[in-house]
Amino acid sequence: MSTRGTGLTLSIGILAAIVGYILWQVTVGFNTKADDIATILQNSASGSTSIQIALILIAVGLVVHAAGLINTRGTAASTSETLGIICIISAIVMWIATSGLGAALAEMGEKYVAASAGAAAGDAASVAAVGGMQIAAGFIQATSVASGNIGALLAGIGWLFIGIAYLRKGAPLALLGWLSVVQGLILIVSILIISTAVSVDTAQQINGIGFLLITVWSVMRGIQLINSK
């Protein structure tokens, strides 16, 4: 891949993914708690089309971004850079797999809303169906949150390693190095400390800050590569 192609895939891929992430959050609800299964199912049903679009943007965007990131290898050739890229690619694989669980919730949400109408009318079969779907959706959501957190931790470790590698190179990579270290530490602290000491919901909000910084880093690095001779 050319240097220009690396810059384009690195930046455009992450921009597509972050747009998908925001669309997903808007559809499910920014204030919806991770364990509020009923609300998640209802919102998933009402915004099923938006969720499908969001998942496509996330999956395709992350794959394109991964291609660009892999081709940056050698910028600060070292063990730290290699470990960083491997950790981030592993995180991307987990996030893409997790997006499939989101699609399952969207499909279940439509059936849940239909069954809820019957349950409200007193239909015994619908009441049983609603209860069963809530249990199944709870399992899917718990798996999704756990996988997403592991992915975020791997990404945090990866960006920390890349930051260390870039800082060792000095100027003109120092700014990118510090930004990478900051975003890595945000994700690591969020998963290891905030999610356990405060709440999973707070940790996810902090993760969002880390993802925005990753987007800024990727666009900055992408522009550098596109403009390089």
Protein backbone atom coordinates (compact mmCIF):
# COMPACT_ATOMS: atom_id res chain seq x y z
CA MET A 1 0.00 0.00 0.00
CA SER A 2 1.27 3.49 -0.84
CA THR A 3 1.96 6.07 1.83
CA ARG A 4 -1.04 8.06 0.64
CA GLY A 5 -3.22 4.94 0.75
CA THR A 6 -2.04 4.21 4.29
CA GLY A 7 -2.96 7.72 5.40
CA LEU A 8 -6.38 7.56 3.76
CA THR A 9 -7.32 4.15 5.18
CA LEU A 10 -6.00 5.04 8.63
CA SER A 11 -8.07 8.21 8.88
CA ILE A 12 -11.19 7.50 6.82
CA GLY A 13 -11.65 4.08 8.42
CA ILE A 14 -11.68 5.43 11.97
CA LEU A 15 -13.95 8.33 10.99
CA ALA A 16 -16.50 5.87 9.59
CA ALA A 17 -16.26 3.76 12.74
CA ILE A 18 -16.71 6.71 15.10
CA VAL A 19 -19.76 7.90 13.13
CA GLY A 20 -21.20 4.40 13.48
CA TYR A 21 -20.40 4.38 17.21
CA ILE A 22 -22.17 7.72 17.75
CA LEU A 23 -25.17 6.59 15.68
CA TRP A 24 -25.36 3.43 17.79
CA GLN A 25 -25.26 5.42 21.04
CA VAL A 26 -27.91 7.86 19.82
CA THR A 27 -30.21 5.00 18.81
CA VAL A 28 -29.83 2.97 22.00
CA GLY A 29 -29.83 6.11 24.14
CA PHE A 30 -26.88 7.91 25.73
CA ASN A 31 -28.51 7.66 29.17
CA THR A 32 -29.56 4.01 28.82
CA LYS A 33 -27.79 1.90 31.44
CA ALA A 34 -25.92 -1.19 30.31
CA ASP A 35 -28.21 -3.46 32.37
CA ASP A 36 -31.50 -1.81 31.32
CA ILE A 37 -32.44 -4.68 29.03
CA ALA A 38 -36.04 -3.64 28.42
CA THR A 39 -35.07 -0.16 27.22
CA ILE A 40 -32.23 -1.51 25.07
CA LEU A 41 -34.61 -3.94 23.37
CA GLN A 42 -37.28 -1.30 22.82
CA ASN A 43 -34.83 1.25 21.42
CA SER A 44 -33.19 -1.41 19.27
CA ALA A 45 -36.55 -2.25 17.76
CA SER A 46 -37.54 1.34 17.06
CA GLY A 47 -34.15 2.14 15.55
CA SER A 48 -33.33 -1.18 13.91
CA THR A 49 -32.44 0.44 10.56
CA SER A 50 -30.14 2.95 12.24
CA ILE A 51 -28.49 0.16 14.20
CA GLN A 52 -27.86 -1.88 11.07
CA ILE A 53 -26.25 1.15 9.41
CA ALA A 54 -24.22 1.85 12.55
CA LEU A 55 -22.94 -1.73 12.72
CA ILE A 56 -21.91 -1.69 9.06
CA LEU A 57 -20.04 1.58 9.55
CA ILE A 58 -18.30 0.24 12.65
CA ALA A 59 -17.29 -3.09 11.13
CA VAL A 60 -16.16 -1.80 7.74
CA GLY A 61 -14.55 1.30 9.24
CA LEU A 62 -12.52 -0.72 11.75
CA VAL A 63 -11.31 -3.15 9.08
CA VAL A 64 -10.18 -0.28 6.83
CA HIS A 65 -8.54 1.44 9.81
CA ALA A 66 -6.75 -1.80 10.73
CA ALA A 67 -5.33 -2.04 7.21
CA GLY A 68 -3.93 1.47 7.51
CA LEU A 69 -2.57 0.87 11.02
CA ILE A 70 -0.76 -2.30 9.96
CA ASN A 71 0.92 -0.39 7.14
CA THR A 72 2.29 2.20 9.58
CA ARG A 73 4.51 -0.51 11.03
CA GLY A 74 8.11 0.62 10.79
CA THR A 75 7.39 4.26 11.61
CA ALA A 76 9.05 3.71 14.98
CA ALA A 77 10.38 0.18 14.41
CA SER A 78 10.67 -1.52 17.78
CA THR A 79 9.21 -4.25 19.96
CA SER A 80 6.87 -1.67 21.51
CA GLU A 81 5.45 -0.68 18.12
CA THR A 82 4.91 -4.30 17.08
CA LEU A 83 3.22 -5.23 20.36
CA GLY A 84 1.09 -2.10 20.15
CA ILE A 85 -0.20 -2.85 16.68
CA ILE A 86 -0.90 -6.50 17.54
CA CYS A 87 -2.87 -5.51 20.67
CA ILE A 88 -4.93 -2.94 18.75
CA ILE A 89 -5.69 -5.37 15.91
CA SER A 90 -6.81 -7.93 18.52
CA ALA A 91 -9.09 -5.29 20.03
CA ILE A 92 -10.56 -4.50 16.61
CA VAL A 93 -11.33 -8.20 16.07
CA MET A 94 -13.18 -8.29 19.39
CA TRP A 95 -15.12 -5.10 18.62
CA ILE A 96 -16.23 -6.43 15.26
CA ALA A 97 -17.37 -9.66 16.90
CA THR A 98 -19.21 -7.63 19.53
CA SER A 99 -21.03 -5.68 16.81
CA GLY A 100 -22.60 -8.99 15.76
CA LEU A 101 -24.13 -9.25 19.22
CA GLY A 102 -25.60 -5.80 18.69
CA ALA A 103 -27.26 -7.03 15.52
CA ALA A 104 -28.74 -9.94 17.46
CA LEU A 105 -30.24 -7.52 20.00
CA ALA A 106 -31.77 -5.45 17.20
CA GLU A 107 -33.44 -8.54 15.73
CA MET A 108 -34.66 -9.64 19.14
CA GLY A 109 -35.91 -6.14 19.91
CA GLU A 110 -38.54 -6.24 17.17
CA LYS A 111 -39.90 -9.55 18.48
CA TYR A 112 -39.76 -8.23 22.04
CA VAL A 113 -41.92 -5.21 21.25
CA ALA A 114 -44.48 -7.40 19.48
CA ALA A 115 -44.59 -9.84 22.41
CA SER A 116 -44.83 -6.97 24.91
CA ALA A 117 -48.05 -5.79 23.28
CA GLY A 118 -49.54 -9.24 23.79
CA ALA A 119 -48.25 -9.40 27.35
CA ALA A 120 -49.89 -6.07 28.14
CA ALA A 121 -53.18 -7.53 26.92
CA GLY A 122 -52.78 -10.43 29.34
CA ASP A 123 -51.76 -13.15 26.90
CA ALA A 124 -49.95 -15.82 28.92
CA ALA A 125 -47.82 -17.02 26.00
CA SER A 126 -46.66 -13.45 25.32
CA VAL A 127 -45.79 -12.93 28.99
CA ALA A 128 -43.63 -16.05 28.92
CA ALA A 129 -42.03 -14.96 25.63
CA VAL A 130 -41.17 -11.54 27.04
CA GLY A 131 -39.52 -13.08 30.09
CA GLY A 132 -37.52 -15.51 27.98
CA MET A 133 -36.33 -12.79 25.63
CA GLN A 134 -35.27 -10.58 28.53
CA ILE A 135 -33.14 -13.41 29.91
CA ALA A 136 -31.59 -14.14 26.51
CA ALA A 137 -31.00 -10.45 25.81
CA GLY A 138 -29.43 -10.02 29.24
CA PHE A 139 -26.93 -12.77 28.44
CA ILE A 140 -26.16 -11.23 25.04
CA GLN A 141 -25.75 -7.76 26.53
CA ALA A 142 -23.49 -9.02 29.32
CA THR A 143 -21.32 -10.83 26.75
CA SER A 144 -21.24 -7.71 24.59
CA VAL A 145 -20.17 -5.46 27.47
CA ALA A 146 -17.50 -7.92 28.65
CA SER A 147 -16.09 -8.37 25.14
CA GLY A 148 -16.15 -4.63 24.52
CA ASN A 149 -14.28 -4.01 27.79
CA ILE A 150 -11.61 -6.58 26.99
CA GLY A 151 -11.23 -5.00 23.56
CA ALA A 152 -10.91 -1.55 25.12
CA LEU A 153 -8.25 -2.82 27.53
CA LEU A 154 -6.27 -4.38 24.69
CA ALA A 155 -6.60 -1.17 22.69
CA GLY A 156 -5.41 0.86 25.68
CA ILE A 157 -2.35 -1.34 26.11
CA GLY A 158 -1.70 -1.19 22.37
CA TRP A 159 -1.87 2.60 22.16
CA LEU A 160 0.35 2.91 25.22
CA PHE A 161 3.01 0.75 23.54
CA ILE A 162 2.75 2.73 20.30
CA GLY A 163 3.06 5.96 22.26
CA ILE A 164 6.24 4.71 23.94
CA ALA A 165 7.67 3.74 20.56
CA TYR A 166 6.85 7.12 19.01
CA LEU A 167 8.27 9.07 21.97
CA ARG A 168 11.57 7.24 21.60
CA LYS A 169 11.79 8.51 18.03
CA GLY A 170 11.45 12.11 19.18
CA ALA A 171 10.33 14.94 16.89
CA PRO A 172 8.24 15.04 14.72
CA LEU A 173 6.45 12.06 16.32
CA ALA A 174 6.55 13.35 19.91
CA LEU A 175 3.08 14.93 19.83
CA LEU A 176 1.55 11.76 18.40
CA GLY A 177 3.47 9.78 21.00
CA TRP A 178 2.09 11.76 23.94
CA LEU A 179 -1.44 11.67 22.51
CA SER A 180 -1.15 7.91 22.08
CA VAL A 181 0.06 7.47 25.68
CA VAL A 182 -2.81 9.59 27.02
CA GLN A 183 -5.51 7.74 25.10
CA GLY A 184 -4.00 4.42 26.10
CA LEU A 185 -3.95 5.34 29.79
CA ILE A 186 -7.54 6.60 29.61
CA LEU A 187 -8.75 3.24 28.32
CA ILE A 188 -6.65 1.21 30.76
CA VAL A 189 -7.72 3.22 33.82
CA SER A 190 -11.34 3.21 32.66
CA ILE A 191 -11.50 -0.58 32.37
CA LEU A 192 -9.33 -1.60 35.33
CA ILE A 193 -10.43 1.03 37.85
CA ILE A 194 -13.53 3.02 36.83
CA SER A 195 -15.59 0.02 35.69
CA THR A 196 -15.05 -1.77 39.02
CA ALA A 197 -14.80 1.14 41.49
CA VAL A 198 -17.55 3.31 39.99
CA SER A 199 -19.74 1.68 37.31
CA VAL A 200 -19.66 0.11 33.88
CA ASP A 201 -21.78 2.96 32.52
CA THR A 202 -19.29 5.60 33.69
CA ALA A 203 -16.43 3.55 32.26
CA GLN A 204 -18.15 3.40 28.88
CA GLN A 205 -18.55 7.18 28.86
CA ILE A 206 -14.85 7.60 29.60
CA ASN A 207 -14.05 5.05 26.90
CA GLY A 208 -15.84 7.36 24.50
CA ILE A 209 -13.27 10.07 25.28
CA GLY A 210 -10.50 7.61 24.55
CA PHE A 211 -12.10 6.66 21.22
CA LEU A 212 -12.37 10.33 20.24
CA LEU A 213 -8.67 10.82 20.98
CA ILE A 214 -7.87 7.75 18.88
CA THR A 215 -9.82 9.36 16.04
CA VAL A 216 -7.85 12.60 16.43
CA TRP A 217 -4.57 10.64 16.46
CA SER A 218 -5.52 8.65 13.36
CA VAL A 219 -6.59 11.72 11.39
CA MET A 220 -3.42 13.60 12.37
CA ARG A 221 -1.19 10.69 11.39
CA GLY A 222 -3.21 10.11 8.24
CA ILE A 223 -2.77 13.73 7.12
CA GLN A 224 0.97 13.48 7.78
CA LEU A 225 1.22 10.40 5.61
CA ILE A 226 -0.95 11.84 2.83
CA ASN A 227 1.18 15.00 2.67
CA SER A 228 4.50 13.19 2.91
CA LYS A 229 6.67 12.99 -0.19
